[in-house]
Amino acid sequence: MSQFLATALVLHVVLGLIALGAIHLTFMQVIRKQPPWGIVVAAAWTALLGFLLSWMTGAYYYVVHYGVAVKPRIVSGEFPWAHKIFMEAKEHVFLLIPFLAVVALFAVYALREVENPALKSAASAIIATTLVLGVLVAAAGVIISGGVR
């Protein structure tokens, strides 16, 4: 693997973890009685940008290296289910997360302008869903990388 691909892979992981931390912060602040909107908006933006950049760096790594060099090793190795189950699921769920982060950001801006309990519940559910899916995708990444060893 080239240095560029290794960097793309590290950025994919690090940016994804930053995005997870930011969406967690967004959730924890939105559910407060009086959310600090400056922090919430900054965290939601950080989450969105982190997820998008992780998405791009991961996609580049996947297209250029994973499918050619890593996937065959996993599928022919001791843990083929690491790709067949977890990577296949991760591919599809991972595509959804940045879009959920966009919706979460719009919801945060709407909540900042209008105090509406129903909107707050819906926004909290979207943000929590984004967080849970992000954690599941990260866990799948750990399982997949373990399948290569």
C-alpha atoms as a PDB file:
ATOM      1  CA  MET A   1       0.000   0.000   0.000  1.00  0.00           C
ATOM      2  CA  SER A   2       1.332   3.405  -0.908  1.00  0.00           C
ATOM      3  CA  GLN A   3       1.883   6.160   1.633  1.00  0.00           C
ATOM      4  CA  PHE A   4      -0.995   8.104   0.075  1.00  0.00           C
ATOM      5  CA  LEU A   5      -3.408   5.187   0.519  1.00  0.00           C
ATOM      6  CA  ALA A   6      -2.231   4.623   4.076  1.00  0.00           C
ATOM      7  CA  THR A   7      -2.856   8.301   4.796  1.00  0.00           C
ATOM      8  CA  ALA A   8      -6.318   8.092   3.218  1.00  0.00           C
ATOM      9  CA  LEU A   9      -7.142   5.101   5.426  1.00  0.00           C
ATOM     10  CA  VAL A  10      -5.910   6.828   8.593  1.00  0.00           C
ATOM     11  CA  LEU A  11      -7.844   9.988   7.688  1.00  0.00           C
ATOM     12  CA  HIS A  12     -10.953   7.890   7.046  1.00  0.00           C
ATOM     13  CA  VAL A  13     -10.763   6.442  10.568  1.00  0.00           C
ATOM     14  CA  VAL A  14      -9.735   9.639  12.376  1.00  0.00           C
ATOM     15  CA  LEU A  15     -12.293  11.839  10.616  1.00  0.00           C
ATOM     16  CA  GLY A  16     -14.997   9.263  11.310  1.00  0.00           C
ATOM     17  CA  LEU A  17     -14.113   9.234  15.006  1.00  0.00           C
ATOM     18  CA  ILE A  18     -14.110  13.039  15.138  1.00  0.00           C
ATOM     19  CA  ALA A  19     -17.523  13.043  13.458  1.00  0.00           C
ATOM     20  CA  LEU A  20     -18.816  10.490  15.977  1.00  0.00           C
ATOM     21  CA  GLY A  21     -17.605  12.613  18.868  1.00  0.00           C
ATOM     22  CA  ALA A  22     -19.212  15.692  17.329  1.00  0.00           C
ATOM     23  CA  ILE A  23     -22.578  14.023  16.668  1.00  0.00           C
ATOM     24  CA  HIS A  24     -22.507  12.674  20.228  1.00  0.00           C
ATOM     25  CA  LEU A  25     -21.869  16.192  21.533  1.00  0.00           C
ATOM     26  CA  THR A  26     -24.695  17.474  19.324  1.00  0.00           C
ATOM     27  CA  PHE A  27     -27.075  14.899  20.771  1.00  0.00           C
ATOM     28  CA  MET A  28     -26.062  15.485  24.389  1.00  0.00           C
ATOM     29  CA  GLN A  29     -26.533  19.242  24.015  1.00  0.00           C
ATOM     30  CA  VAL A  30     -29.819  19.105  22.063  1.00  0.00           C
ATOM     31  CA  ILE A  31     -31.520  17.005  24.751  1.00  0.00           C
ATOM     32  CA  ARG A  32     -30.696  19.604  27.408  1.00  0.00           C
ATOM     33  CA  LYS A  33     -33.471  21.847  28.674  1.00  0.00           C
ATOM     34  CA  GLN A  34     -31.614  24.944  27.422  1.00  0.00           C
ATOM     35  CA  PRO A  35     -29.139  23.875  24.721  1.00  0.00           C
ATOM     36  CA  PRO A  36     -26.120  26.137  24.103  1.00  0.00           C
ATOM     37  CA  TRP A  37     -26.916  26.743  20.427  1.00  0.00           C
ATOM     38  CA  GLY A  38     -23.465  27.988  19.474  1.00  0.00           C
ATOM     39  CA  ILE A  39     -21.931  24.705  20.639  1.00  0.00           C
ATOM     40  CA  VAL A  40     -24.728  22.659  19.079  1.00  0.00           C
ATOM     41  CA  VAL A  41     -24.367  24.309  15.665  1.00  0.00           C
ATOM     42  CA  ALA A  42     -20.561  24.004  15.732  1.00  0.00           C
ATOM     43  CA  ALA A  43     -20.786  20.343  16.737  1.00  0.00           C
ATOM     44  CA  ALA A  44     -23.370  19.585  14.038  1.00  0.00           C
ATOM     45  CA  TRP A  45     -21.179  21.236  11.389  1.00  0.00           C
ATOM     46  CA  THR A  46     -18.124  19.350  12.651  1.00  0.00           C
ATOM     47  CA  ALA A  47     -20.059  16.089  12.483  1.00  0.00           C
ATOM     48  CA  LEU A  48     -21.265  16.768   8.946  1.00  0.00           C
ATOM     49  CA  LEU A  49     -17.828  17.766   7.665  1.00  0.00           C
ATOM     50  CA  GLY A  50     -16.174  14.852   9.472  1.00  0.00           C
ATOM     51  CA  PHE A  51     -18.633  12.337   8.029  1.00  0.00           C
ATOM     52  CA  LEU A  52     -18.302  13.789   4.511  1.00  0.00           C
ATOM     53  CA  LEU A  53     -14.504  13.815   4.585  1.00  0.00           C
ATOM     54  CA  SER A  54     -14.400  10.324   6.098  1.00  0.00           C
ATOM     55  CA  TRP A  55     -16.817   9.234   3.375  1.00  0.00           C
ATOM     56  CA  MET A  56     -14.569  10.634   0.637  1.00  0.00           C
ATOM     57  CA  THR A  57     -11.282   9.276   1.991  1.00  0.00           C
ATOM     58  CA  GLY A  58     -12.865   5.889   2.700  1.00  0.00           C
ATOM     59  CA  ALA A  59     -14.387   5.744  -0.771  1.00  0.00           C
ATOM     60  CA  TYR A  60     -11.048   6.501  -2.373  1.00  0.00           C
ATOM     61  CA  TYR A  61      -9.310   3.795  -0.346  1.00  0.00           C
ATOM     62  CA  TYR A  62     -12.108   1.315  -1.068  1.00  0.00           C
ATOM     63  CA  VAL A  63     -12.138   1.877  -4.827  1.00  0.00           C
ATOM     64  CA  VAL A  64      -8.369   2.037  -5.311  1.00  0.00           C
ATOM     65  CA  HIS A  65      -7.081  -0.529  -2.808  1.00  0.00           C
ATOM     66  CA  TYR A  66      -9.617  -2.483  -0.742  1.00  0.00           C
ATOM     67  CA  GLY A  67     -11.467  -4.218  -3.579  1.00  0.00           C
ATOM     68  CA  VAL A  68      -8.248  -5.262  -5.317  1.00  0.00           C
ATOM     69  CA  ALA A  69      -5.860  -6.107  -2.472  1.00  0.00           C
ATOM     70  CA  VAL A  70      -7.771  -6.486   0.807  1.00  0.00           C
ATOM     71  CA  LYS A  71     -11.137  -8.019  -0.035  1.00  0.00           C
ATOM     72  CA  PRO A  72      -9.653 -11.125  -1.718  1.00  0.00           C
ATOM     73  CA  ARG A  73      -7.473 -11.775   1.358  1.00  0.00           C
ATOM     74  CA  ILE A  74     -10.442 -11.523   3.692  1.00  0.00           C
ATOM     75  CA  VAL A  75     -12.790 -13.629   1.560  1.00  0.00           C
ATOM     76  CA  SER A  76     -10.190 -16.388   1.117  1.00  0.00           C
ATOM     77  CA  GLY A  77      -9.009 -16.198   4.718  1.00  0.00           C
ATOM     78  CA  GLU A  78     -10.165 -17.525   8.037  1.00  0.00           C
ATOM     79  CA  PHE A  79     -12.943 -14.939   8.479  1.00  0.00           C
ATOM     80  CA  PRO A  80     -14.731 -14.473   5.132  1.00  0.00           C
ATOM     81  CA  TRP A  81     -17.874 -13.349   6.958  1.00  0.00           C
ATOM     82  CA  ALA A  82     -15.960 -10.200   7.973  1.00  0.00           C
ATOM     83  CA  HIS A  83     -16.451  -8.977   4.411  1.00  0.00           C
ATOM     84  CA  LYS A  84     -19.569 -10.869   3.391  1.00  0.00           C
ATOM     85  CA  ILE A  85     -21.648  -9.611   6.306  1.00  0.00           C
ATOM     86  CA  PHE A  86     -19.998  -6.591   7.886  1.00  0.00           C
ATOM     87  CA  MET A  87     -18.485  -4.852   4.854  1.00  0.00           C
ATOM     88  CA  GLU A  88     -21.590  -5.328   2.769  1.00  0.00           C
ATOM     89  CA  ALA A  89     -23.704  -3.814   5.555  1.00  0.00           C
ATOM     90  CA  LYS A  90     -21.156  -1.065   6.212  1.00  0.00           C
ATOM     91  CA  GLU A  91     -21.101  -0.046   2.552  1.00  0.00           C
ATOM     92  CA  HIS A  92     -24.831   0.601   2.509  1.00  0.00           C
ATOM     93  CA  VAL A  93     -25.245   2.146   5.943  1.00  0.00           C
ATOM     94  CA  PHE A  94     -22.179   4.348   5.459  1.00  0.00           C
ATOM     95  CA  LEU A  95     -23.808   5.906   2.394  1.00  0.00           C
ATOM     96  CA  LEU A  96     -26.746   7.061   4.528  1.00  0.00           C
ATOM     97  CA  ILE A  97     -24.847   8.693   7.393  1.00  0.00           C
ATOM     98  CA  PRO A  98     -23.778  11.972   5.695  1.00  0.00           C
ATOM     99  CA  PHE A  99     -27.366  12.545   4.555  1.00  0.00           C
ATOM    100  CA  LEU A 100     -28.621  12.006   8.103  1.00  0.00           C
ATOM    101  CA  ALA A 101     -25.977  14.472   9.282  1.00  0.00           C
ATOM    102  CA  VAL A 102     -27.324  17.069   6.828  1.00  0.00           C
ATOM    103  CA  VAL A 103     -30.847  16.536   8.153  1.00  0.00           C
ATOM    104  CA  ALA A 104     -29.518  16.777  11.719  1.00  0.00           C
ATOM    105  CA  LEU A 105     -27.829  20.092  10.897  1.00  0.00           C
ATOM    106  CA  PHE A 106     -31.023  21.517   9.378  1.00  0.00           C
ATOM    107  CA  ALA A 107     -32.971  20.308  12.428  1.00  0.00           C
ATOM    108  CA  VAL A 108     -30.504  22.037  14.754  1.00  0.00           C
ATOM    109  CA  TYR A 109     -30.945  25.319  12.875  1.00  0.00           C
ATOM    110  CA  ALA A 110     -34.746  24.934  13.014  1.00  0.00           C
ATOM    111  CA  LEU A 111     -34.652  24.163  16.743  1.00  0.00           C
ATOM    112  CA  ARG A 112     -32.496  27.203  17.367  1.00  0.00           C
ATOM    113  CA  GLU A 113     -35.207  29.411  15.866  1.00  0.00           C
ATOM    114  CA  VAL A 114     -38.348  27.735  17.253  1.00  0.00           C
ATOM    115  CA  GLU A 115     -38.897  26.013  20.579  1.00  0.00           C
ATOM    116  CA  ASN A 116     -41.059  23.059  19.591  1.00  0.00           C
ATOM    117  CA  PRO A 117     -41.140  19.858  21.687  1.00  0.00           C
ATOM    118  CA  ALA A 118     -42.201  17.662  18.741  1.00  0.00           C
ATOM    119  CA  LEU A 119     -39.392  19.038  16.576  1.00  0.00           C
ATOM    120  CA  LYS A 120     -36.933  18.562  19.432  1.00  0.00           C
ATOM    121  CA  SER A 121     -37.999  14.915  19.779  1.00  0.00           C
ATOM    122  CA  ALA A 122     -37.726  14.305  16.039  1.00  0.00           C
ATOM    123  CA  ALA A 123     -34.342  16.046  15.829  1.00  0.00           C
ATOM    124  CA  SER A 124     -33.072  14.082  18.824  1.00  0.00           C
ATOM    125  CA  ALA A 125     -34.184  10.846  17.165  1.00  0.00           C
ATOM    126  CA  ILE A 126     -32.401  11.728  13.898  1.00  0.00           C
ATOM    127  CA  ILE A 127     -29.230  12.741  15.728  1.00  0.00           C
ATOM    128  CA  ALA A 128     -29.332   9.592  17.894  1.00  0.00           C
ATOM    129  CA  THR A 129     -29.884   7.427  14.807  1.00  0.00           C
ATOM    130  CA  THR A 130     -26.881   9.043  13.130  1.00  0.00           C
ATOM    131  CA  LEU A 131     -24.800   8.379  16.246  1.00  0.00           C
ATOM    132  CA  VAL A 132     -25.866   4.741  16.602  1.00  0.00           C
ATOM    133  CA  LEU A 133     -25.343   3.986  12.904  1.00  0.00           C
ATOM    134  CA  GLY A 134     -21.937   5.675  13.064  1.00  0.00           C
ATOM    135  CA  VAL A 135     -20.904   3.549  16.037  1.00  0.00           C
ATOM    136  CA  LEU A 136     -22.091   0.393  14.250  1.00  0.00           C
ATOM    137  CA  VAL A 137     -20.145   1.337  11.109  1.00  0.00           C
ATOM    138  CA  ALA A 138     -17.007   1.978  13.189  1.00  0.00           C
ATOM    139  CA  ALA A 139     -17.425  -1.390  14.926  1.00  0.00           C
ATOM    140  CA  ALA A 140     -17.853  -3.068  11.539  1.00  0.00           C
ATOM    141  CA  GLY A 141     -14.602  -1.427  10.417  1.00  0.00           C
ATOM    142  CA  VAL A 142     -12.796  -2.934  13.395  1.00  0.00           C
ATOM    143  CA  ILE A 143     -14.207  -6.387  12.593  1.00  0.00           C
ATOM    144  CA  ILE A 144     -13.301  -6.066   8.911  1.00  0.00           C
ATOM    145  CA  SER A 145      -9.730  -4.964   9.634  1.00  0.00           C
ATOM    146  CA  GLY A 146      -9.428  -7.908  12.022  1.00  0.00           C
ATOM    147  CA  GLY A 147     -10.514 -10.215   9.202  1.00  0.00           C
ATOM    148  CA  VAL A 148      -7.482  -9.190   7.154  1.00  0.00           C
ATOM    149  CA  ARG A 149      -4.933 -10.259   9.777  1.00  0.00           C
END
